[in-house]
């Protein structure tokens, strides 16, 4: 079985760490669901697992990692911490607590989950990330849901995250953020890469491209992500769907197809605003 597994390629972060270009998202799985989903995903070839303190499933993710039999050094684990830890000392506490729940010695990528500008402590939180990176508790650091103004305050202090994980899909393009990421060498990781619900996957333009390639709409959208240079982390507890989501590295979309998908962006008044939402 091992010989037939096809792994995702990797992208190189600013500090030289290699990150798989497709992962498994685990929200809103509970511990029991995460343990099974992580094990099946790793066994079919996933090497990037994304969790968070706020998901409440880090223990299950750790259990799934151990049950998979995949060597720890081959797995890239991302987790995130909540607003109460936004201080230099707080990040160390959050990191140690996540490591304990996961049952791991190191976290591969540690993220500030939301900027929470109302409490205005995300600068200190990022400085705290630098400390746990220096201490060897984590291998890479970054942000999640940071908007251009939040990132700019980091840049003004000479601070640059390795990754910014944001909501992004063909309907939610985020071109302003992506341009900043590319200028600074920040990797764009995408949550809810297949959209919320099934509306986007039923878009006639996406379905037409899927028929042309004899693929599912989800595979077309995920291919769009990786071909755009993003790192998508789709959530699935279904082993067959996990395998299908990973099977996107043996075909390519044409320039015209990418242009078609790039033209699907639209306003979404229900999209969470990181200036107002956070935990």
C-alpha atoms as a PDB file:
ATOM      1  CA  UNK A   1       0.000   0.000   0.000  1.00  0.00           C
ATOM      2  CA  UNK A   2       2.796   2.394   0.927  1.00  0.00           C
ATOM      3  CA  UNK A   3       4.363   2.130  -2.515  1.00  0.00           C
ATOM      4  CA  UNK A   4       1.140   3.277  -4.220  1.00  0.00           C
ATOM      5  CA  UNK A   5       0.691   6.391  -2.076  1.00  0.00           C
ATOM      6  CA  UNK A   6       1.154   9.646  -3.930  1.00  0.00           C
ATOM      7  CA  UNK A   7       2.171  12.491  -1.653  1.00  0.00           C
ATOM      8  CA  UNK A   8       1.417  16.140  -2.254  1.00  0.00           C
ATOM      9  CA  UNK A   9       4.375  18.284  -3.329  1.00  0.00           C
ATOM     10  CA  UNK A  10       5.712  20.787  -0.811  1.00  0.00           C
ATOM     11  CA  UNK A  11       6.139  24.549  -0.694  1.00  0.00           C
ATOM     12  CA  UNK A  12       9.125  26.137   1.016  1.00  0.00           C
ATOM     13  CA  UNK A  13       8.481  28.612   3.818  1.00  0.00           C
ATOM     14  CA  UNK A  14      10.609  31.708   4.413  1.00  0.00           C
ATOM     15  CA  UNK A  15      12.769  29.884   6.956  1.00  0.00           C
ATOM     16  CA  UNK A  16      13.377  26.913   4.641  1.00  0.00           C
ATOM     17  CA  UNK A  17      10.848  24.527   6.217  1.00  0.00           C
ATOM     18  CA  UNK A  18       8.982  22.413   3.655  1.00  0.00           C
ATOM     19  CA  UNK A  19       5.178  22.366   3.994  1.00  0.00           C
ATOM     20  CA  UNK A  20       2.927  19.926   2.082  1.00  0.00           C
ATOM     21  CA  UNK A  21       0.736  21.738  -0.442  1.00  0.00           C
ATOM     22  CA  UNK A  22      -2.541  20.082   0.575  1.00  0.00           C
ATOM     23  CA  UNK A  23      -3.764  19.114   4.005  1.00  0.00           C
ATOM     24  CA  UNK A  24      -6.674  17.827   6.044  1.00  0.00           C
ATOM     25  CA  UNK A  25      -8.795  20.382   7.859  1.00  0.00           C
ATOM     26  CA  UNK A  26     -10.380  19.069  11.063  1.00  0.00           C
ATOM     27  CA  UNK A  27     -13.033  21.638  12.023  1.00  0.00           C
ATOM     28  CA  UNK A  28     -15.691  20.867  13.317  1.00  0.00           C
ATOM     29  CA  UNK A  29     -14.678  17.287  14.178  1.00  0.00           C
ATOM     30  CA  UNK A  30     -14.715  16.146  17.801  1.00  0.00           C
ATOM     31  CA  UNK A  31     -11.858  14.092  19.269  1.00  0.00           C
ATOM     32  CA  UNK A  32     -13.317  10.735  18.227  1.00  0.00           C
ATOM     33  CA  UNK A  33     -14.034  11.864  14.664  1.00  0.00           C
ATOM     34  CA  UNK A  34     -10.620  13.521  14.357  1.00  0.00           C
ATOM     35  CA  UNK A  35      -8.796  10.398  15.536  1.00  0.00           C
ATOM     36  CA  UNK A  36     -10.372   8.325  12.768  1.00  0.00           C
ATOM     37  CA  UNK A  37     -10.192  10.991  10.054  1.00  0.00           C
ATOM     38  CA  UNK A  38      -6.540  11.801  10.729  1.00  0.00           C
ATOM     39  CA  UNK A  39      -5.570   8.130  10.694  1.00  0.00           C
ATOM     40  CA  UNK A  40      -7.351   7.427   7.395  1.00  0.00           C
ATOM     41  CA  UNK A  41      -6.003  10.618   5.818  1.00  0.00           C
ATOM     42  CA  UNK A  42      -2.419   9.855   6.780  1.00  0.00           C
ATOM     43  CA  UNK A  43      -2.773   6.295   5.555  1.00  0.00           C
ATOM     44  CA  UNK A  44      -3.938   7.474   2.124  1.00  0.00           C
ATOM     45  CA  UNK A  45      -1.085   9.959   1.746  1.00  0.00           C
ATOM     46  CA  UNK A  46      -1.898  13.196   3.565  1.00  0.00           C
ATOM     47  CA  UNK A  47       1.056  14.674   5.414  1.00  0.00           C
ATOM     48  CA  UNK A  48      -0.400  18.025   6.548  1.00  0.00           C
ATOM     49  CA  UNK A  49      -2.963  18.055   9.370  1.00  0.00           C
ATOM     50  CA  UNK A  50      -4.625  21.307  10.467  1.00  0.00           C
ATOM     51  CA  UNK A  51      -6.209  21.730  13.896  1.00  0.00           C
ATOM     52  CA  UNK A  52      -6.639  24.437  16.542  1.00  0.00           C
ATOM     53  CA  UNK A  53      -7.149  24.931  20.255  1.00  0.00           C
ATOM     54  CA  UNK A  54     -10.619  26.277  19.470  1.00  0.00           C
ATOM     55  CA  UNK A  55     -11.625  23.129  17.558  1.00  0.00           C
ATOM     56  CA  UNK A  56     -11.396  21.110  20.769  1.00  0.00           C
ATOM     57  CA  UNK A  57      -9.939  18.107  18.928  1.00  0.00           C
ATOM     58  CA  UNK A  58      -6.161  18.327  19.373  1.00  0.00           C
ATOM     59  CA  UNK A  59      -6.147  15.185  21.531  1.00  0.00           C
ATOM     60  CA  UNK A  60      -8.007  13.294  18.812  1.00  0.00           C
ATOM     61  CA  UNK A  61      -5.608  14.569  16.157  1.00  0.00           C
ATOM     62  CA  UNK A  62      -2.683  13.292  18.209  1.00  0.00           C
ATOM     63  CA  UNK A  63      -4.383   9.935  18.649  1.00  0.00           C
ATOM     64  CA  UNK A  64      -4.921   9.672  14.892  1.00  0.00           C
ATOM     65  CA  UNK A  65      -1.275  10.494  14.224  1.00  0.00           C
ATOM     66  CA  UNK A  66      -0.079   7.752  16.565  1.00  0.00           C
ATOM     67  CA  UNK A  67      -2.590   5.208  15.204  1.00  0.00           C
ATOM     68  CA  UNK A  68      -1.560   5.848  11.597  1.00  0.00           C
ATOM     69  CA  UNK A  69       1.894   4.342  11.943  1.00  0.00           C
ATOM     70  CA  UNK A  70       3.305   7.172   9.798  1.00  0.00           C
ATOM     71  CA  UNK A  71       6.603   8.434  11.243  1.00  0.00           C
ATOM     72  CA  UNK A  72       6.155  11.701  13.151  1.00  0.00           C
ATOM     73  CA  UNK A  73       8.947  13.377  11.168  1.00  0.00           C
ATOM     74  CA  UNK A  74       6.951  12.843   7.959  1.00  0.00           C
ATOM     75  CA  UNK A  75       3.875  14.692   9.278  1.00  0.00           C
ATOM     76  CA  UNK A  76       3.342  18.466   9.301  1.00  0.00           C
ATOM     77  CA  UNK A  77       1.029  19.499  12.145  1.00  0.00           C
ATOM     78  CA  UNK A  78      -0.547  22.960  12.285  1.00  0.00           C
ATOM     79  CA  UNK A  79      -2.430  24.293  15.286  1.00  0.00           C
ATOM     80  CA  UNK A  80      -3.635  27.723  16.424  1.00  0.00           C
ATOM     81  CA  UNK A  81      -4.241  29.522  19.711  1.00  0.00           C
ATOM     82  CA  UNK A  82      -7.021  31.754  21.041  1.00  0.00           C
ATOM     83  CA  UNK A  83      -7.135  35.401  22.087  1.00  0.00           C
ATOM     84  CA  UNK A  84      -6.545  34.823  25.792  1.00  0.00           C
ATOM     85  CA  UNK A  85      -2.928  33.868  25.008  1.00  0.00           C
ATOM     86  CA  UNK A  86      -2.067  37.077  23.122  1.00  0.00           C
ATOM     87  CA  UNK A  87       1.072  37.980  25.063  1.00  0.00           C
ATOM     88  CA  UNK A  88       4.690  36.879  24.922  1.00  0.00           C
ATOM     89  CA  UNK A  89       4.355  34.627  27.962  1.00  0.00           C
ATOM     90  CA  UNK A  90       0.846  33.547  26.951  1.00  0.00           C
ATOM     91  CA  UNK A  91       1.992  32.099  23.643  1.00  0.00           C
ATOM     92  CA  UNK A  92       4.484  29.878  25.465  1.00  0.00           C
ATOM     93  CA  UNK A  93       1.654  28.638  27.714  1.00  0.00           C
ATOM     94  CA  UNK A  94      -0.601  28.040  24.710  1.00  0.00           C
ATOM     95  CA  UNK A  95       2.149  26.186  22.888  1.00  0.00           C
ATOM     96  CA  UNK A  96       2.925  23.903  25.814  1.00  0.00           C
ATOM     97  CA  UNK A  97      -0.783  23.193  26.329  1.00  0.00           C
ATOM     98  CA  UNK A  98      -1.279  22.302  22.647  1.00  0.00           C
ATOM     99  CA  UNK A  99       1.791  20.060  22.693  1.00  0.00           C
ATOM    100  CA  UNK A 100       0.396  18.243  25.713  1.00  0.00           C
ATOM    101  CA  UNK A 101      -3.031  17.759  24.135  1.00  0.00           C
ATOM    102  CA  UNK A 102      -1.484  16.601  20.859  1.00  0.00           C
ATOM    103  CA  UNK A 103       1.014  14.358  22.637  1.00  0.00           C
ATOM    104  CA  UNK A 104       3.851  15.787  20.528  1.00  0.00           C
ATOM    105  CA  UNK A 105       7.273  17.300  21.197  1.00  0.00           C
ATOM    106  CA  UNK A 106       7.048  19.938  18.456  1.00  0.00           C
ATOM    107  CA  UNK A 107       4.416  21.774  16.421  1.00  0.00           C
ATOM    108  CA  UNK A 108       5.320  22.251  12.763  1.00  0.00           C
ATOM    109  CA  UNK A 109       3.309  25.448  12.292  1.00  0.00           C
ATOM    110  CA  UNK A 110       1.844  27.552  15.115  1.00  0.00           C
ATOM    111  CA  UNK A 111      -0.629  30.301  14.224  1.00  0.00           C
ATOM    112  CA  UNK A 112      -2.421  33.214  15.862  1.00  0.00           C
ATOM    113  CA  UNK A 113      -5.989  32.090  15.112  1.00  0.00           C
ATOM    114  CA  UNK A 114      -7.575  35.570  14.846  1.00  0.00           C
ATOM    115  CA  UNK A 115      -6.016  39.029  15.262  1.00  0.00           C
ATOM    116  CA  UNK A 116      -8.705  40.239  17.707  1.00  0.00           C
ATOM    117  CA  UNK A 117      -7.816  43.917  17.158  1.00  0.00           C
ATOM    118  CA  UNK A 118     -10.296  44.952  19.857  1.00  0.00           C
ATOM    119  CA  UNK A 119      -7.796  43.797  22.498  1.00  0.00           C
ATOM    120  CA  UNK A 120      -4.840  44.973  20.392  1.00  0.00           C
ATOM    121  CA  UNK A 121      -2.349  42.356  21.518  1.00  0.00           C
ATOM    122  CA  UNK A 122      -1.572  40.491  18.313  1.00  0.00           C
ATOM    123  CA  UNK A 123       1.833  42.207  18.024  1.00  0.00           C
ATOM    124  CA  UNK A 124       2.825  40.744  21.406  1.00  0.00           C
ATOM    125  CA  UNK A 125       1.351  37.409  20.306  1.00  0.00           C
ATOM    126  CA  UNK A 126       3.558  37.363  17.228  1.00  0.00           C
ATOM    127  CA  UNK A 127       6.586  38.295  19.303  1.00  0.00           C
ATOM    128  CA  UNK A 128       5.680  35.347  21.515  1.00  0.00           C
ATOM    129  CA  UNK A 129       5.651  33.126  18.452  1.00  0.00           C
ATOM    130  CA  UNK A 130       9.214  34.210  17.750  1.00  0.00           C
ATOM    131  CA  UNK A 131      10.217  33.056  21.233  1.00  0.00           C
ATOM    132  CA  UNK A 132       8.732  29.555  20.893  1.00  0.00           C
ATOM    133  CA  UNK A 133      10.336  29.273  17.458  1.00  0.00           C
ATOM    134  CA  UNK A 134      13.721  30.171  18.964  1.00  0.00           C
ATOM    135  CA  UNK A 135      13.107  27.653  21.753  1.00  0.00           C
ATOM    136  CA  UNK A 136      12.589  24.866  19.207  1.00  0.00           C
ATOM    137  CA  UNK A 137       9.023  24.131  20.306  1.00  0.00           C
ATOM    138  CA  UNK A 138       7.726  24.972  16.813  1.00  0.00           C
ATOM    139  CA  UNK A 139       9.267  24.819  13.353  1.00  0.00           C
ATOM    140  CA  UNK A 140       7.378  27.657  11.663  1.00  0.00           C
ATOM    141  CA  UNK A 141       5.082  30.484  12.741  1.00  0.00           C
ATOM    142  CA  UNK A 142       2.297  32.513  11.246  1.00  0.00           C
ATOM    143  CA  UNK A 143      -1.085  34.128  11.379  1.00  0.00           C
ATOM    144  CA  UNK A 144      -4.638  33.235  10.493  1.00  0.00           C
ATOM    145  CA  UNK A 145      -7.355  35.592   9.258  1.00  0.00           C
ATOM    146  CA  UNK A 146      -5.039  38.619   9.275  1.00  0.00           C
ATOM    147  CA  UNK A 147      -6.131  41.414   6.940  1.00  0.00           C
ATOM    148  CA  UNK A 148      -3.730  43.824   5.183  1.00  0.00           C
ATOM    149  CA  UNK A 149      -3.800  46.385   8.019  1.00  0.00           C
ATOM    150  CA  UNK A 150      -3.008  43.710  10.619  1.00  0.00           C
ATOM    151  CA  UNK A 151      -0.092  42.418   8.558  1.00  0.00           C
ATOM    152  CA  UNK A 152       1.217  45.927   7.959  1.00  0.00           C
ATOM    153  CA  UNK A 153       1.626  46.527  11.690  1.00  0.00           C
ATOM    154  CA  UNK A 154       3.817  43.409  11.826  1.00  0.00           C
ATOM    155  CA  UNK A 155       5.811  44.502   8.778  1.00  0.00           C
ATOM    156  CA  UNK A 156       6.415  47.924  10.343  1.00  0.00           C
ATOM    157  CA  UNK A 157       8.282  46.128  13.134  1.00  0.00           C
ATOM    158  CA  UNK A 158      10.222  43.892  10.771  1.00  0.00           C
ATOM    159  CA  UNK A 159       8.016  40.881  11.567  1.00  0.00           C
ATOM    160  CA  UNK A 160       6.888  38.577   8.742  1.00  0.00           C
ATOM    161  CA  UNK A 161       4.750  35.451   9.247  1.00  0.00           C
ATOM    162  CA  UNK A 162       5.738  32.351   7.328  1.00  0.00           C
ATOM    163  CA  UNK A 163       2.058  31.604   6.594  1.00  0.00           C
ATOM    164  CA  UNK A 164      -1.241  33.495   6.695  1.00  0.00           C
ATOM    165  CA  UNK A 165      -4.199  31.109   6.694  1.00  0.00           C
ATOM    166  CA  UNK A 166      -7.333  32.770   5.309  1.00  0.00           C
ATOM    167  CA  UNK A 167     -10.769  31.975   3.941  1.00  0.00           C
ATOM    168  CA  UNK A 168     -10.265  31.808   0.178  1.00  0.00           C
ATOM    169  CA  UNK A 169     -11.940  30.061  -2.750  1.00  0.00           C
ATOM    170  CA  UNK A 170     -12.965  31.028  -6.308  1.00  0.00           C
ATOM    171  CA  UNK A 171     -15.942  32.949  -4.916  1.00  0.00           C
ATOM    172  CA  UNK A 172     -13.785  34.689  -2.260  1.00  0.00           C
ATOM    173  CA  UNK A 173     -10.652  35.720  -4.135  1.00  0.00           C
ATOM    174  CA  UNK A 174      -8.816  37.918  -1.541  1.00  0.00           C
ATOM    175  CA  UNK A 175      -6.567  39.401  -4.238  1.00  0.00           C
ATOM    176  CA  UNK A 176      -5.385  42.242  -1.970  1.00  0.00           C
ATOM    177  CA  UNK A 177      -4.078  39.810   0.626  1.00  0.00           C
ATOM    178  CA  UNK A 178      -2.558  37.403  -1.886  1.00  0.00           C
ATOM    179  CA  UNK A 179      -0.607  40.246  -3.508  1.00  0.00           C
ATOM    180  CA  UNK A 180       0.846  41.218  -0.118  1.00  0.00           C
ATOM    181  CA  UNK A 181       1.700  37.598   0.659  1.00  0.00           C
ATOM    182  CA  UNK A 182       3.556  37.216  -2.625  1.00  0.00           C
ATOM    183  CA  UNK A 183       5.513  40.442  -2.125  1.00  0.00           C
ATOM    184  CA  UNK A 184       6.658  39.317   1.325  1.00  0.00           C
ATOM    185  CA  UNK A 185       7.133  35.605   0.592  1.00  0.00           C
ATOM    186  CA  UNK A 186       4.270  34.546   2.880  1.00  0.00           C
ATOM    187  CA  UNK A 187       2.569  31.258   1.979  1.00  0.00           C
ATOM    188  CA  UNK A 188      -1.203  31.515   1.536  1.00  0.00           C
ATOM    189  CA  UNK A 189      -2.983  28.641   3.271  1.00  0.00           C
ATOM    190  CA  UNK A 190      -6.732  28.418   2.629  1.00  0.00           C
ATOM    191  CA  UNK A 191      -9.526  27.319   4.941  1.00  0.00           C
ATOM    192  CA  UNK A 192     -12.951  26.303   3.620  1.00  0.00           C
ATOM    193  CA  UNK A 193     -11.244  25.968   0.201  1.00  0.00           C
ATOM    194  CA  UNK A 194     -14.358  24.288  -1.236  1.00  0.00           C
ATOM    195  CA  UNK A 195     -16.716  27.020  -0.017  1.00  0.00           C
ATOM    196  CA  UNK A 196     -19.376  26.818   2.666  1.00  0.00           C
ATOM    197  CA  UNK A 197     -22.108  24.358   1.669  1.00  0.00           C
ATOM    198  CA  UNK A 198     -22.362  23.013  -1.877  1.00  0.00           C
ATOM    199  CA  UNK A 199     -23.435  26.095  -3.835  1.00  0.00           C
ATOM    200  CA  UNK A 200     -20.018  26.849  -5.336  1.00  0.00           C
ATOM    201  CA  UNK A 201     -19.395  23.229  -6.313  1.00  0.00           C
ATOM    202  CA  UNK A 202     -22.618  23.345  -8.330  1.00  0.00           C
ATOM    203  CA  UNK A 203     -21.556  26.439 -10.251  1.00  0.00           C
ATOM    204  CA  UNK A 204     -22.061  25.711 -13.983  1.00  0.00           C
ATOM    205  CA  UNK A 205     -18.602  27.025 -14.864  1.00  0.00           C
ATOM    206  CA  UNK A 206     -16.942  24.663 -12.377  1.00  0.00           C
ATOM    207  CA  UNK A 207     -19.123  21.729 -13.383  1.00  0.00           C
ATOM    208  CA  UNK A 208     -18.243  22.267 -17.053  1.00  0.00           C
ATOM    209  CA  UNK A 209     -14.520  22.144 -16.321  1.00  0.00           C
ATOM    210  CA  UNK A 210     -15.054  19.044 -14.163  1.00  0.00           C
ATOM    211  CA  UNK A 211     -16.793  17.249 -17.035  1.00  0.00           C
ATOM    212  CA  UNK A 212     -13.989  18.198 -19.406  1.00  0.00           C
ATOM    213  CA  UNK A 213     -11.390  16.591 -17.117  1.00  0.00           C
ATOM    214  CA  UNK A 214     -13.606  13.734 -15.888  1.00  0.00           C
ATOM    215  CA  UNK A 215     -13.097  14.988 -12.323  1.00  0.00           C
ATOM    216  CA  UNK A 216     -15.326  16.133  -9.499  1.00  0.00           C
ATOM    217  CA  UNK A 217     -16.061  19.806  -8.929  1.00  0.00           C
ATOM    218  CA  UNK A 218     -14.153  19.578  -5.639  1.00  0.00           C
ATOM    219  CA  UNK A 219     -11.071  18.286  -7.447  1.00  0.00           C
ATOM    220  CA  UNK A 220     -11.276  21.174  -9.923  1.00  0.00           C
ATOM    221  CA  UNK A 221     -11.501  23.760  -7.149  1.00  0.00           C
ATOM    222  CA  UNK A 222      -8.646  22.187  -5.190  1.00  0.00           C
ATOM    223  CA  UNK A 223      -6.545  22.058  -8.353  1.00  0.00           C
ATOM    224  CA  UNK A 224      -7.258  25.778  -8.813  1.00  0.00           C
ATOM    225  CA  UNK A 225      -5.908  26.389  -5.294  1.00  0.00           C
ATOM    226  CA  UNK A 226      -2.637  24.529  -5.755  1.00  0.00           C
ATOM    227  CA  UNK A 227      -2.118  25.836  -9.284  1.00  0.00           C
ATOM    228  CA  UNK A 228      -2.547  29.341  -7.858  1.00  0.00           C
ATOM    229  CA  UNK A 229       0.200  28.571  -5.337  1.00  0.00           C
ATOM    230  CA  UNK A 230      -2.079  28.185  -2.304  1.00  0.00           C
ATOM    231  CA  UNK A 231      -2.128  25.424   0.322  1.00  0.00           C
ATOM    232  CA  UNK A 232      -5.751  24.239   0.738  1.00  0.00           C
ATOM    233  CA  UNK A 233      -6.873  22.259   3.797  1.00  0.00           C
ATOM    234  CA  UNK A 234     -10.275  20.721   2.947  1.00  0.00           C
ATOM    235  CA  UNK A 235     -12.135  18.979   5.768  1.00  0.00           C
ATOM    236  CA  UNK A 236     -13.472  15.462   5.246  1.00  0.00           C
ATOM    237  CA  UNK A 237     -14.197  12.523   7.532  1.00  0.00           C
ATOM    238  CA  UNK A 238     -14.910  10.234   4.562  1.00  0.00           C
ATOM    239  CA  UNK A 239     -11.922   8.128   3.491  1.00  0.00           C
ATOM    240  CA  UNK A 240     -12.982   7.980  -0.173  1.00  0.00           C
ATOM    241  CA  UNK A 241     -13.494  11.744  -0.339  1.00  0.00           C
ATOM    242  CA  UNK A 242     -10.169  12.306   1.398  1.00  0.00           C
ATOM    243  CA  UNK A 243      -8.455  10.227  -1.270  1.00  0.00           C
ATOM    244  CA  UNK A 244     -10.287  12.084  -4.062  1.00  0.00           C
ATOM    245  CA  UNK A 245      -9.325  15.466  -2.609  1.00  0.00           C
ATOM    246  CA  UNK A 246      -5.670  14.432  -2.605  1.00  0.00           C
ATOM    247  CA  UNK A 247      -5.775  13.074  -6.179  1.00  0.00           C
ATOM    248  CA  UNK A 248      -5.280  16.430  -7.892  1.00  0.00           C
ATOM    249  CA  UNK A 249      -1.589  16.381  -8.712  1.00  0.00           C
ATOM    250  CA  UNK A 250      -1.806  14.306 -11.901  1.00  0.00           C
ATOM    251  CA  UNK A 251      -3.631  16.829 -14.093  1.00  0.00           C
ATOM    252  CA  UNK A 252      -3.548  20.566 -14.786  1.00  0.00           C
ATOM    253  CA  UNK A 253      -6.060  23.253 -15.625  1.00  0.00           C
ATOM    254  CA  UNK A 254      -5.486  25.262 -18.803  1.00  0.00           C
ATOM    255  CA  UNK A 255      -4.855  29.002 -18.765  1.00  0.00           C
ATOM    256  CA  UNK A 256      -8.388  29.563 -20.046  1.00  0.00           C
ATOM    257  CA  UNK A 257      -9.844  27.371 -17.296  1.00  0.00           C
ATOM    258  CA  UNK A 258      -7.872  29.221 -14.632  1.00  0.00           C
ATOM    259  CA  UNK A 259      -9.114  32.520 -16.080  1.00  0.00           C
ATOM    260  CA  UNK A 260     -12.685  31.244 -15.951  1.00  0.00           C
ATOM    261  CA  UNK A 261     -12.338  30.214 -12.317  1.00  0.00           C
ATOM    262  CA  UNK A 262     -10.590  33.476 -11.453  1.00  0.00           C
ATOM    263  CA  UNK A 263     -13.622  35.337 -12.773  1.00  0.00           C
ATOM    264  CA  UNK A 264     -16.073  33.800 -10.296  1.00  0.00           C
ATOM    265  CA  UNK A 265     -15.328  36.141  -7.370  1.00  0.00           C
ATOM    266  CA  UNK A 266     -18.303  37.905  -5.801  1.00  0.00           C
ATOM    267  CA  UNK A 267     -19.136  39.969  -2.707  1.00  0.00           C
ATOM    268  CA  UNK A 268     -20.219  38.054   0.393  1.00  0.00           C
ATOM    269  CA  UNK A 269     -21.798  40.159   3.152  1.00  0.00           C
ATOM    270  CA  UNK A 270     -21.861  37.081   5.430  1.00  0.00           C
ATOM    271  CA  UNK A 271     -18.103  36.540   5.327  1.00  0.00           C
ATOM    272  CA  UNK A 272     -16.500  36.784   8.774  1.00  0.00           C
ATOM    273  CA  UNK A 273     -14.666  40.082   9.281  1.00  0.00           C
ATOM    274  CA  UNK A 274     -11.478  39.716  11.339  1.00  0.00           C
ATOM    275  CA  UNK A 275     -11.911  43.269  12.647  1.00  0.00           C
ATOM    276  CA  UNK A 276     -15.142  42.188  14.309  1.00  0.00           C
ATOM    277  CA  UNK A 277     -14.968  38.405  14.784  1.00  0.00           C
ATOM    278  CA  UNK A 278     -12.403  36.335  16.646  1.00  0.00           C
ATOM    279  CA  UNK A 279     -11.723  33.987  19.520  1.00  0.00           C
END
